[in-house]
Amino acid sequence: MQQYEFKIKKSSNFTFGGKIGLRILVGVSVLVASLVFAQLVSANNLALGGQKLSQIDDAIAKLAQENNNMSVEIAKAESLTSLSKKAQHMGYVIPSKVNVF
């Protein structure tokens, strides 16, 4: 009876797909790593941009409220009753008779 040996011989210069395949594998790995890094950087920039936009929106809302408050104050100061009271306080009097020429 014969004995067969079914052992696989290992070659000492085994490379995954040869030298060209290894270069492609390394190149694709570097490309993927670069794309992941670029995605992280752009996501970070987008988040910072959103934060700045939120701050600007808050400042706009605050200034709009101040503008509205000042408009109310101006309207109060320009009202006829307010101007009449200021005129009386300054010594102006309402004429009793108006002469027309």
PDB file of N, CA and C in Angstrom:
ATOM      1  N   MET A   1       0.794  -1.157   0.000  1.00  0.00           N
ATOM      2  CA  MET A   1       0.000   0.000   0.000  1.00  0.00           C
ATOM      3  C   MET A   1       0.859   1.253   0.000  1.00  0.00           C
ATOM      4  N   GLN A   2       0.385   2.236  -0.732  1.00  0.00           N
ATOM      5  CA  GLN A   2       1.142   3.476  -0.829  1.00  0.00           C
ATOM      6  C   GLN A   2       0.595   4.509   0.144  1.00  0.00           C
ATOM      7  N   GLN A   3       1.475   5.280   0.654  1.00  0.00           N
ATOM      8  CA  GLN A   3       1.053   6.365   1.536  1.00  0.00           C
ATOM      9  C   GLN A   3       1.226   7.676   0.783  1.00  0.00           C
ATOM     10  N   TYR A   4       0.174   8.418   0.823  1.00  0.00           N
ATOM     11  CA  TYR A   4       0.219   9.716   0.156  1.00  0.00           C
ATOM     12  C   TYR A   4       0.295  10.815   1.201  1.00  0.00           C
ATOM     13  N   GLU A   5       1.100  11.769   0.905  1.00  0.00           N
ATOM     14  CA  GLU A   5       1.171  12.920   1.805  1.00  0.00           C
ATOM     15  C   GLU A   5       0.435  14.073   1.146  1.00  0.00           C
ATOM     16  N   PHE A   6      -0.541  14.570   1.867  1.00  0.00           N
ATOM     17  CA  PHE A   6      -1.363  15.645   1.332  1.00  0.00           C
ATOM     18  C   PHE A   6      -1.023  16.990   1.974  1.00  0.00           C
ATOM     19  N   LYS A   7       0.169  17.159   2.316  1.00  0.00           N
ATOM     20  CA  LYS A   7       0.581  18.421   2.919  1.00  0.00           C
ATOM     21  C   LYS A   7       0.787  19.454   1.820  1.00  0.00           C
ATOM     22  N   ILE A   8       0.346  20.688   2.132  1.00  0.00           N
ATOM     23  CA  ILE A   8       0.526  21.771   1.170  1.00  0.00           C
ATOM     24  C   ILE A   8       1.886  22.392   1.444  1.00  0.00           C
ATOM     25  N   LYS A   9       2.609  22.523   0.395  1.00  0.00           N
ATOM     26  CA  LYS A   9       3.931  23.115   0.547  1.00  0.00           C
ATOM     27  C   LYS A   9       3.785  24.632   0.576  1.00  0.00           C
ATOM     28  N   LYS A  10       4.396  25.241   1.541  1.00  0.00           N
ATOM     29  CA  LYS A  10       4.366  26.690   1.649  1.00  0.00           C
ATOM     30  C   LYS A  10       5.535  27.246   0.862  1.00  0.00           C
ATOM     31  N   SER A  11       5.215  28.257   0.070  1.00  0.00           N
ATOM     32  CA  SER A  11       6.313  28.892  -0.646  1.00  0.00           C
ATOM     33  C   SER A  11       6.810  30.075   0.184  1.00  0.00           C
ATOM     34  N   SER A  12       8.047  30.294   0.162  1.00  0.00           N
ATOM     35  CA  SER A  12       8.645  31.323   1.009  1.00  0.00           C
ATOM     36  C   SER A  12       8.437  32.723   0.445  1.00  0.00           C
ATOM     37  N   ASN A  13       8.150  32.860  -0.827  1.00  0.00           N
ATOM     38  CA  ASN A  13       7.985  34.179  -1.425  1.00  0.00           C
ATOM     39  C   ASN A  13       6.514  34.440  -1.782  1.00  0.00           C
ATOM     40  N   PHE A  14       5.609  34.006  -0.922  1.00  0.00           N
ATOM     41  CA  PHE A  14       4.180  34.174  -1.162  1.00  0.00           C
ATOM     42  C   PHE A  14       3.784  35.627  -0.912  1.00  0.00           C
ATOM     43  N   THR A  15       3.122  36.254  -1.867  1.00  0.00           N
ATOM     44  CA  THR A  15       2.567  37.603  -1.712  1.00  0.00           C
ATOM     45  C   THR A  15       1.125  37.569  -2.179  1.00  0.00           C
ATOM     46  N   PHE A  16       0.331  38.439  -1.610  1.00  0.00           N
ATOM     47  CA  PHE A  16      -1.088  38.483  -1.951  1.00  0.00           C
ATOM     48  C   PHE A  16      -1.254  39.083  -3.332  1.00  0.00           C
ATOM     49  N   GLY A  17      -1.406  38.256  -4.336  1.00  0.00           N
ATOM     50  CA  GLY A  17      -1.600  38.721  -5.694  1.00  0.00           C
ATOM     51  C   GLY A  17      -0.343  39.199  -6.371  1.00  0.00           C
ATOM     52  N   GLY A  18       0.773  38.937  -5.836  1.00  0.00           N
ATOM     53  CA  GLY A  18       2.017  39.377  -6.438  1.00  0.00           C
ATOM     54  C   GLY A  18       2.363  40.797  -6.023  1.00  0.00           C
ATOM     55  N   LYS A  19       3.439  41.305  -6.591  1.00  0.00           N
ATOM     56  CA  LYS A  19       3.902  42.643  -6.224  1.00  0.00           C
ATOM     57  C   LYS A  19       2.934  43.729  -6.699  1.00  0.00           C
ATOM     58  N   ILE A  20       2.356  43.550  -7.861  1.00  0.00           N
ATOM     59  CA  ILE A  20       1.418  44.552  -8.390  1.00  0.00           C
ATOM     60  C   ILE A  20       0.145  44.567  -7.540  1.00  0.00           C
ATOM     61  N   GLY A  21      -0.351  43.402  -7.176  1.00  0.00           N
ATOM     62  CA  GLY A  21      -1.547  43.328  -6.334  1.00  0.00           C
ATOM     63  C   GLY A  21      -1.314  43.954  -4.968  1.00  0.00           C
ATOM     64  N   LEU A  22      -0.141  43.789  -4.419  1.00  0.00           N
ATOM     65  CA  LEU A  22       0.184  44.376  -3.126  1.00  0.00           C
ATOM     66  C   LEU A  22       0.227  45.902  -3.227  1.00  0.00           C
ATOM     67  N   ARG A  23       0.781  46.410  -4.300  1.00  0.00           N
ATOM     68  CA  ARG A  23       0.808  47.862  -4.499  1.00  0.00           C
ATOM     69  C   ARG A  23      -0.604  48.419  -4.648  1.00  0.00           C
ATOM     70  N   ILE A  24      -1.435  47.701  -5.368  1.00  0.00           N
ATOM     71  CA  ILE A  24      -2.823  48.147  -5.527  1.00  0.00           C
ATOM     72  C   ILE A  24      -3.537  48.120  -4.190  1.00  0.00           C
ATOM     73  N   LEU A  25      -3.330  47.081  -3.415  1.00  0.00           N
ATOM     74  CA  LEU A  25      -3.952  46.970  -2.099  1.00  0.00           C
ATOM     75  C   LEU A  25      -3.507  48.110  -1.182  1.00  0.00           C
ATOM     76  N   VAL A  26      -2.235  48.425  -1.183  1.00  0.00           N
ATOM     77  CA  VAL A  26      -1.716  49.520  -0.364  1.00  0.00           C
ATOM     78  C   VAL A  26      -2.270  50.849  -0.871  1.00  0.00           C
ATOM     79  N   GLY A  27      -2.304  51.019  -2.180  1.00  0.00           N
ATOM     80  CA  GLY A  27      -2.819  52.265  -2.759  1.00  0.00           C
ATOM     81  C   GLY A  27      -4.285  52.487  -2.429  1.00  0.00           C
ATOM     82  N   VAL A  28      -5.086  51.438  -2.540  1.00  0.00           N
ATOM     83  CA  VAL A  28      -6.509  51.547  -2.210  1.00  0.00           C
ATOM     84  C   VAL A  28      -6.691  51.815  -0.719  1.00  0.00           C
ATOM     85  N   SER A  29      -5.885  51.188   0.111  1.00  0.00           N
ATOM     86  CA  SER A  29      -5.965  51.421   1.556  1.00  0.00           C
ATOM     87  C   SER A  29      -5.635  52.869   1.900  1.00  0.00           C
ATOM     88  N   VAL A  30      -4.611  53.422   1.275  1.00  0.00           N
ATOM     89  CA  VAL A  30      -4.244  54.821   1.507  1.00  0.00           C
ATOM     90  C   VAL A  30      -5.347  55.743   1.009  1.00  0.00           C
ATOM     91  N   LEU A  31      -5.928  55.425  -0.128  1.00  0.00           N
ATOM     92  CA  LEU A  31      -7.012  56.231  -0.683  1.00  0.00           C
ATOM     93  C   LEU A  31      -8.222  56.222   0.245  1.00  0.00           C
ATOM     94  N   VAL A  32      -8.581  55.065   0.741  1.00  0.00           N
ATOM     95  CA  VAL A  32      -9.729  54.966   1.653  1.00  0.00           C
ATOM     96  C   VAL A  32      -9.453  55.736   2.946  1.00  0.00           C
ATOM     97  N   ALA A  33      -8.256  55.599   3.476  1.00  0.00           N
ATOM     98  CA  ALA A  33      -7.906  56.328   4.697  1.00  0.00           C
ATOM     99  C   ALA A  33      -7.945  57.834   4.456  1.00  0.00           C
ATOM    100  N   SER A  34      -7.476  58.275   3.297  1.00  0.00           N
ATOM    101  CA  SER A  34      -7.519  59.701   2.964  1.00  0.00           C
ATOM    102  C   SER A  34      -8.946  60.202   2.837  1.00  0.00           C
ATOM    103  N   LEU A  35      -9.799  59.414   2.222  1.00  0.00           N
ATOM    104  CA  LEU A  35     -11.195  59.819   2.077  1.00  0.00           C
ATOM    105  C   LEU A  35     -11.908  59.883   3.427  1.00  0.00           C
ATOM    106  N   VAL A  36     -11.608  58.957   4.314  1.00  0.00           N
ATOM    107  CA  VAL A  36     -12.204  58.988   5.659  1.00  0.00           C
ATOM    108  C   VAL A  36     -11.743  60.231   6.398  1.00  0.00           C
ATOM    109  N   PHE A  37     -10.464  60.552   6.306  1.00  0.00           N
ATOM    110  CA  PHE A  37      -9.937  61.756   6.949  1.00  0.00           C
ATOM    111  C   PHE A  37     -10.580  63.011   6.370  1.00  0.00           C
ATOM    112  N   ALA A  38     -10.709  63.071   5.045  1.00  0.00           N
ATOM    113  CA  ALA A  38     -11.347  64.230   4.414  1.00  0.00           C
ATOM    114  C   ALA A  38     -12.804  64.363   4.854  1.00  0.00           C
ATOM    115  N   GLN A  39     -13.494  63.250   4.993  1.00  0.00           N
ATOM    116  CA  GLN A  39     -14.886  63.276   5.463  1.00  0.00           C
ATOM    117  C   GLN A  39     -14.969  63.820   6.893  1.00  0.00           C
ATOM    118  N   LEU A  40     -14.060  63.406   7.752  1.00  0.00           N
ATOM    119  CA  LEU A  40     -14.049  63.897   9.135  1.00  0.00           C
ATOM    120  C   LEU A  40     -13.775  65.397   9.185  1.00  0.00           C
ATOM    121  N   VAL A  41     -12.834  65.858   8.377  1.00  0.00           N
ATOM    122  CA  VAL A  41     -12.502  67.290   8.353  1.00  0.00           C
ATOM    123  C   VAL A  41     -13.694  68.098   7.848  1.00  0.00           C
ATOM    124  N   SER A  42     -14.329  67.638   6.778  1.00  0.00           N
ATOM    125  CA  SER A  42     -15.473  68.388   6.238  1.00  0.00           C
ATOM    126  C   SER A  42     -16.658  68.357   7.201  1.00  0.00           C
ATOM    127  N   ALA A  43     -16.867  67.259   7.896  1.00  0.00           N
ATOM    128  CA  ALA A  43     -17.955  67.206   8.879  1.00  0.00           C
ATOM    129  C   ALA A  43     -17.678  68.163  10.033  1.00  0.00           C
ATOM    130  N   ASN A  44     -16.433  68.255  10.453  1.00  0.00           N
ATOM    131  CA  ASN A  44     -16.068  69.185  11.514  1.00  0.00           C
ATOM    132  C   ASN A  44     -16.286  70.629  11.068  1.00  0.00           C
ATOM    133  N   ASN A  45     -15.871  70.949   9.848  1.00  0.00           N
ATOM    134  CA  ASN A  45     -16.068  72.299   9.322  1.00  0.00           C
ATOM    135  C   ASN A  45     -17.550  72.623   9.201  1.00  0.00           C
ATOM    136  N   LEU A  46     -18.337  71.665   8.805  1.00  0.00           N
ATOM    137  CA  LEU A  46     -19.778  71.871   8.685  1.00  0.00           C
ATOM    138  C   LEU A  46     -20.403  72.138  10.052  1.00  0.00           C
ATOM    139  N   ALA A  47     -19.968  71.416  11.055  1.00  0.00           N
ATOM    140  CA  ALA A  47     -20.487  71.628  12.407  1.00  0.00           C
ATOM    141  C   ALA A  47     -20.108  73.008  12.932  1.00  0.00           C
ATOM    142  N   LEU A  48     -18.867  73.422  12.693  1.00  0.00           N
ATOM    143  CA  LEU A  48     -18.435  74.750  13.130  1.00  0.00           C
ATOM    144  C   LEU A  48     -19.198  75.843  12.384  1.00  0.00           C
ATOM    145  N   GLY A  49     -19.441  75.629  11.102  1.00  0.00           N
ATOM    146  CA  GLY A  49     -20.216  76.596  10.325  1.00  0.00           C
ATOM    147  C   GLY A  49     -21.638  76.715  10.847  1.00  0.00           C
ATOM    148  N   GLY A  50     -22.226  75.605  11.232  1.00  0.00           N
ATOM    149  CA  GLY A  50     -23.574  75.635  11.800  1.00  0.00           C
ATOM    150  C   GLY A  50     -23.613  76.365  13.125  1.00  0.00           C
ATOM    151  N   GLN A  51     -22.575  76.194  13.920  1.00  0.00           N
ATOM    152  CA  GLN A  51     -22.498  76.883  15.203  1.00  0.00           C
ATOM    153  C   GLN A  51     -22.381  78.390  14.983  1.00  0.00           C
ATOM    154  N   LYS A  52     -21.544  78.804  14.039  1.00  0.00           N
ATOM    155  CA  LYS A  52     -21.400  80.230  13.743  1.00  0.00           C
ATOM    156  C   LYS A  52     -22.704  80.805  13.207  1.00  0.00           C
ATOM    157  N   LEU A  53     -23.387  80.048  12.367  1.00  0.00           N
ATOM    158  CA  LEU A  53     -24.663  80.502  11.824  1.00  0.00           C
ATOM    159  C   LEU A  53     -25.691  80.677  12.927  1.00  0.00           C
ATOM    160  N   SER A  54     -25.693  79.783  13.882  1.00  0.00           N
ATOM    161  CA  SER A  54     -26.609  79.899  15.017  1.00  0.00           C
ATOM    162  C   SER A  54     -26.302  81.147  15.839  1.00  0.00           C
ATOM    163  N   GLN A  55     -25.040  81.433  16.054  1.00  0.00           N
ATOM    164  CA  GLN A  55     -24.661  82.640  16.792  1.00  0.00           C
ATOM    165  C   GLN A  55     -25.088  83.895  16.041  1.00  0.00           C
ATOM    166  N   ILE A  56     -24.923  83.897  14.728  1.00  0.00           N
ATOM    167  CA  ILE A  56     -25.330  85.048  13.924  1.00  0.00           C
ATOM    168  C   ILE A  56     -26.836  85.221  13.967  1.00  0.00           C
ATOM    169  N   ASP A  57     -27.575  84.123  13.891  1.00  0.00           N
ATOM    170  CA  ASP A  57     -29.038  84.203  13.982  1.00  0.00           C
ATOM    171  C   ASP A  57     -29.479  84.756  15.331  1.00  0.00           C
ATOM    172  N   ASP A  58     -28.810  84.356  16.398  1.00  0.00           N
ATOM    173  CA  ASP A  58     -29.131  84.883  17.731  1.00  0.00           C
ATOM    174  C   ASP A  58     -28.865  86.387  17.796  1.00  0.00           C
ATOM    175  N   ALA A  59     -27.745  86.815  17.216  1.00  0.00           N
ATOM    176  CA  ALA A  59     -27.416  88.247  17.211  1.00  0.00           C
ATOM    177  C   ALA A  59     -28.431  89.037  16.399  1.00  0.00           C
ATOM    178  N   ILE A  60     -28.878  88.483  15.276  1.00  0.00           N
ATOM    179  CA  ILE A  60     -29.885  89.150  14.444  1.00  0.00           C
ATOM    180  C   ILE A  60     -31.191  89.293  15.208  1.00  0.00           C
ATOM    181  N   ALA A  61     -31.597  88.238  15.907  1.00  0.00           N
ATOM    182  CA  ALA A  61     -32.846  88.296  16.679  1.00  0.00           C
ATOM    183  C   ALA A  61     -32.744  89.338  17.795  1.00  0.00           C
ATOM    184  N   LYS A  62     -31.587  89.406  18.447  1.00  0.00           N
ATOM    185  CA  LYS A  62     -31.395  90.384  19.522  1.00  0.00           C
ATOM    186  C   LYS A  62     -31.458  91.803  18.971  1.00  0.00           C
ATOM    187  N   LEU A  63     -30.788  92.049  17.854  1.00  0.00           N
ATOM    188  CA  LEU A  63     -30.798  93.383  17.255  1.00  0.00           C
ATOM    189  C   LEU A  63     -32.184  93.757  16.738  1.00  0.00           C
ATOM    190  N   ALA A  64     -32.929  92.802  16.217  1.00  0.00           N
ATOM    191  CA  ALA A  64     -34.291  93.079  15.765  1.00  0.00           C
ATOM    192  C   ALA A  64     -35.181  93.473  16.941  1.00  0.00           C
ATOM    193  N   GLN A  65     -35.008  92.810  18.084  1.00  0.00           N
ATOM    194  CA  GLN A  65     -35.777  93.166  19.283  1.00  0.00           C
ATOM    195  C   GLN A  65     -35.416  94.569  19.765  1.00  0.00           C
ATOM    196  N   GLU A  66     -34.117  94.880  19.772  1.00  0.00           N
ATOM    197  CA  GLU A  66     -33.690  96.222  20.163  1.00  0.00           C
ATOM    198  C   GLU A  66     -34.240  97.274  19.206  1.00  0.00           C
ATOM    199  N   ASN A  67     -34.243  96.965  17.917  1.00  0.00           N
ATOM    200  CA  ASN A  67     -34.781  97.886  16.915  1.00  0.00           C
ATOM    201  C   ASN A  67     -36.267  98.121  17.158  1.00  0.00           C
ATOM    202  N   ASN A  68     -36.996  97.086  17.471  1.00  0.00           N
ATOM    203  CA  ASN A  68     -38.426  97.207  17.752  1.00  0.00           C
ATOM    204  C   ASN A  68     -38.655  98.061  19.006  1.00  0.00           C
ATOM    205  N   ASN A  69     -37.860  97.830  20.045  1.00  0.00           N
ATOM    206  CA  ASN A  69     -37.988  98.623  21.275  1.00  0.00           C
ATOM    207  C   ASN A  69     -37.709 100.098  21.010  1.00  0.00           C
ATOM    208  N   MET A  70     -36.691 100.370  20.219  1.00  0.00           N
ATOM    209  CA  MET A  70     -36.357 101.761  19.905  1.00  0.00           C
ATOM    210  C   MET A  70     -37.437 102.405  19.051  1.00  0.00           C
ATOM    211  N   SER A  71     -38.035 101.659  18.155  1.00  0.00           N
ATOM    212  CA  SER A  71     -39.134 102.197  17.336  1.00  0.00           C
ATOM    213  C   SER A  71     -40.319 102.589  18.217  1.00  0.00           C
ATOM    214  N   VAL A  72     -40.602 101.782  19.224  1.00  0.00           N
ATOM    215  CA  VAL A  72     -41.689 102.095  20.162  1.00  0.00           C
ATOM    216  C   VAL A  72     -41.360 103.361  20.942  1.00  0.00           C
ATOM    217  N   GLU A  73     -40.114 103.475  21.401  1.00  0.00           N
ATOM    218  CA  GLU A  73     -39.700 104.672  22.142  1.00  0.00           C
ATOM    219  C   GLU A  73     -39.794 105.923  21.266  1.00  0.00           C
ATOM    220  N   ILE A  74     -39.391 105.820  20.006  1.00  0.00           N
ATOM    221  CA  ILE A  74     -39.475 106.955  19.083  1.00  0.00           C
ATOM    222  C   ILE A  74     -40.928 107.342  18.866  1.00  0.00           C
ATOM    223  N   ALA A  75     -41.789 106.357  18.696  1.00  0.00           N
ATOM    224  CA  ALA A  75     -43.209 106.643  18.487  1.00  0.00           C
ATOM    225  C   ALA A  75     -43.807 107.335  19.700  1.00  0.00           C
ATOM    226  N   LYS A  76     -43.404 106.918  20.891  1.00  0.00           N
ATOM    227  CA  LYS A  76     -43.899 107.571  22.111  1.00  0.00           C
ATOM    228  C   LYS A  76     -43.408 109.009  22.186  1.00  0.00           C
ATOM    229  N   ALA A  77     -42.128 109.219  21.846  1.00  0.00           N
ATOM    230  CA  ALA A  77     -41.556 110.563  21.931  1.00  0.00           C
ATOM    231  C   ALA A  77     -42.154 111.501  20.884  1.00  0.00           C
ATOM    232  N   GLU A  78     -42.557 110.976  19.753  1.00  0.00           N
ATOM    233  CA  GLU A  78     -43.094 111.816  18.679  1.00  0.00           C
ATOM    234  C   GLU A  78     -44.607 111.996  18.755  1.00  0.00           C
ATOM    235  N   SER A  79     -45.262 111.384  19.700  1.00  0.00           N
ATOM    236  CA  SER A  79     -46.715 111.511  19.779  1.00  0.00           C
ATOM    237  C   SER A  79     -47.101 112.947  20.130  1.00  0.00           C
ATOM    238  N   LEU A  80     -48.282 113.364  19.694  1.00  0.00           N
ATOM    239  CA  LEU A  80     -48.723 114.737  19.904  1.00  0.00           C
ATOM    240  C   LEU A  80     -48.892 115.065  21.374  1.00  0.00           C
ATOM    241  N   THR A  81     -49.371 114.132  22.153  1.00  0.00           N
ATOM    242  CA  THR A  81     -49.543 114.408  23.579  1.00  0.00           C
ATOM    243  C   THR A  81     -48.203 114.611  24.248  1.00  0.00           C
ATOM    244  N   SER A  82     -47.223 113.828  23.874  1.00  0.00           N
ATOM    245  CA  SER A  82     -45.893 113.963  24.448  1.00  0.00           C
ATOM    246  C   SER A  82     -45.273 115.295  24.051  1.00  0.00           C
ATOM    247  N   LEU A  83     -45.402 115.672  22.780  1.00  0.00           N
ATOM    248  CA  LEU A  83     -44.848 116.943  22.320  1.00  0.00           C
ATOM    249  C   LEU A  83     -45.572 118.114  22.978  1.00  0.00           C
ATOM    250  N   SER A  84     -46.874 117.985  23.161  1.00  0.00           N
ATOM    251  CA  SER A  84     -47.652 119.050  23.814  1.00  0.00           C
ATOM    252  C   SER A  84     -47.202 119.233  25.255  1.00  0.00           C
ATOM    253  N   LYS A  85     -46.982 118.141  25.969  1.00  0.00           N
ATOM    254  CA  LYS A  85     -46.528 118.235  27.356  1.00  0.00           C
ATOM    255  C   LYS A  85     -45.136 118.853  27.439  1.00  0.00           C
ATOM    256  N   LYS A  86     -44.257 118.466  26.521  1.00  0.00           N
ATOM    257  CA  LYS A  86     -42.913 119.035  26.508  1.00  0.00           C
ATOM    258  C   LYS A  86     -42.960 120.532  26.214  1.00  0.00           C
ATOM    259  N   ALA A  87     -43.829 120.947  25.294  1.00  0.00           N
ATOM    260  CA  ALA A  87     -43.953 122.360  24.957  1.00  0.00           C
ATOM    261  C   ALA A  87     -44.470 123.147  26.147  1.00  0.00           C
ATOM    262  N   GLN A  88     -45.453 122.642  26.846  1.00  0.00           N
ATOM    263  CA  GLN A  88     -45.978 123.326  28.021  1.00  0.00           C
ATOM    264  C   GLN A  88     -44.913 123.405  29.109  1.00  0.00           C
ATOM    265  N   HIS A  89     -44.117 122.346  29.263  1.00  0.00           N
ATOM    266  CA  HIS A  89     -43.053 122.328  30.263  1.00  0.00           C
ATOM    267  C   HIS A  89     -41.988 123.378  29.928  1.00  0.00           C
ATOM    268  N   MET A  90     -41.766 123.619  28.640  1.00  0.00           N
ATOM    269  CA  MET A  90     -40.751 124.589  28.216  1.00  0.00           C
ATOM    270  C   MET A  90     -41.288 126.029  28.233  1.00  0.00           C
ATOM    271  N   GLY A  91     -42.572 126.198  28.520  1.00  0.00           N
ATOM    272  CA  GLY A  91     -43.113 127.538  28.651  1.00  0.00           C
ATOM    273  C   GLY A  91     -44.005 127.977  27.506  1.00  0.00           C
ATOM    274  N   TYR A  92     -44.200 127.157  26.553  1.00  0.00           N
ATOM    275  CA  TYR A  92     -45.108 127.507  25.459  1.00  0.00           C
ATOM    276  C   TYR A  92     -46.532 127.414  25.970  1.00  0.00           C
ATOM    277  N   VAL A  93     -47.368 128.313  25.442  1.00  0.00           N
ATOM    278  CA  VAL A  93     -48.778 128.307  25.838  1.00  0.00           C
ATOM    279  C   VAL A  93     -49.640 128.188  24.590  1.00  0.00           C
ATOM    280  N   ILE A  94     -50.846 127.691  24.788  1.00  0.00           N
ATOM    281  CA  ILE A  94     -51.781 127.580  23.680  1.00  0.00           C
ATOM    282  C   ILE A  94     -52.407 128.964  23.495  1.00  0.00           C
ATOM    283  N   PRO A  95     -52.345 129.485  22.286  1.00  0.00           N
ATOM    284  CA  PRO A  95     -52.911 130.815  22.073  1.00  0.00           C
ATOM    285  C   PRO A  95     -54.445 130.782  22.222  1.00  0.00           C
ATOM    286  N   SER A  96     -54.960 131.871  22.831  1.00  0.00           N
ATOM    287  CA  SER A  96     -56.395 131.939  23.008  1.00  0.00           C
ATOM    288  C   SER A  96     -57.099 132.394  21.739  1.00  0.00           C
ATOM    289  N   LYS A  97     -56.434 133.219  20.937  1.00  0.00           N
ATOM    290  CA  LYS A  97     -57.032 133.717  19.723  1.00  0.00           C
ATOM    291  C   LYS A  97     -55.979 133.723  18.631  1.00  0.00           C
ATOM    292  N   VAL A  98     -56.345 133.247  17.464  1.00  0.00           N
ATOM    293  CA  VAL A  98     -55.431 133.202  16.349  1.00  0.00           C
ATOM    294  C   VAL A  98     -55.829 134.318  15.394  1.00  0.00           C
ATOM    295  N   ASN A  99     -54.888 135.204  15.074  1.00  0.00           N
ATOM    296  CA  ASN A  99     -55.138 136.282  14.127  1.00  0.00           C
ATOM    297  C   ASN A  99     -54.688 135.857  12.735  1.00  0.00           C
ATOM    298  N   VAL A 100     -55.571 135.977  11.794  1.00  0.00           N
ATOM    299  CA  VAL A 100     -55.255 135.627  10.415  1.00  0.00           C
ATOM    300  C   VAL A 100     -55.268 136.914   9.612  1.00  0.00           C
ATOM    301  N   PHE A 101     -54.273 137.213   8.834  1.00  0.00           N
ATOM    302  CA  PHE A 101     -54.197 138.433   8.048  1.00  0.00           C
ATOM    303  C   PHE A 101     -54.757 138.263   6.699  1.00  0.00           C
TER     304      PHE A 101
END
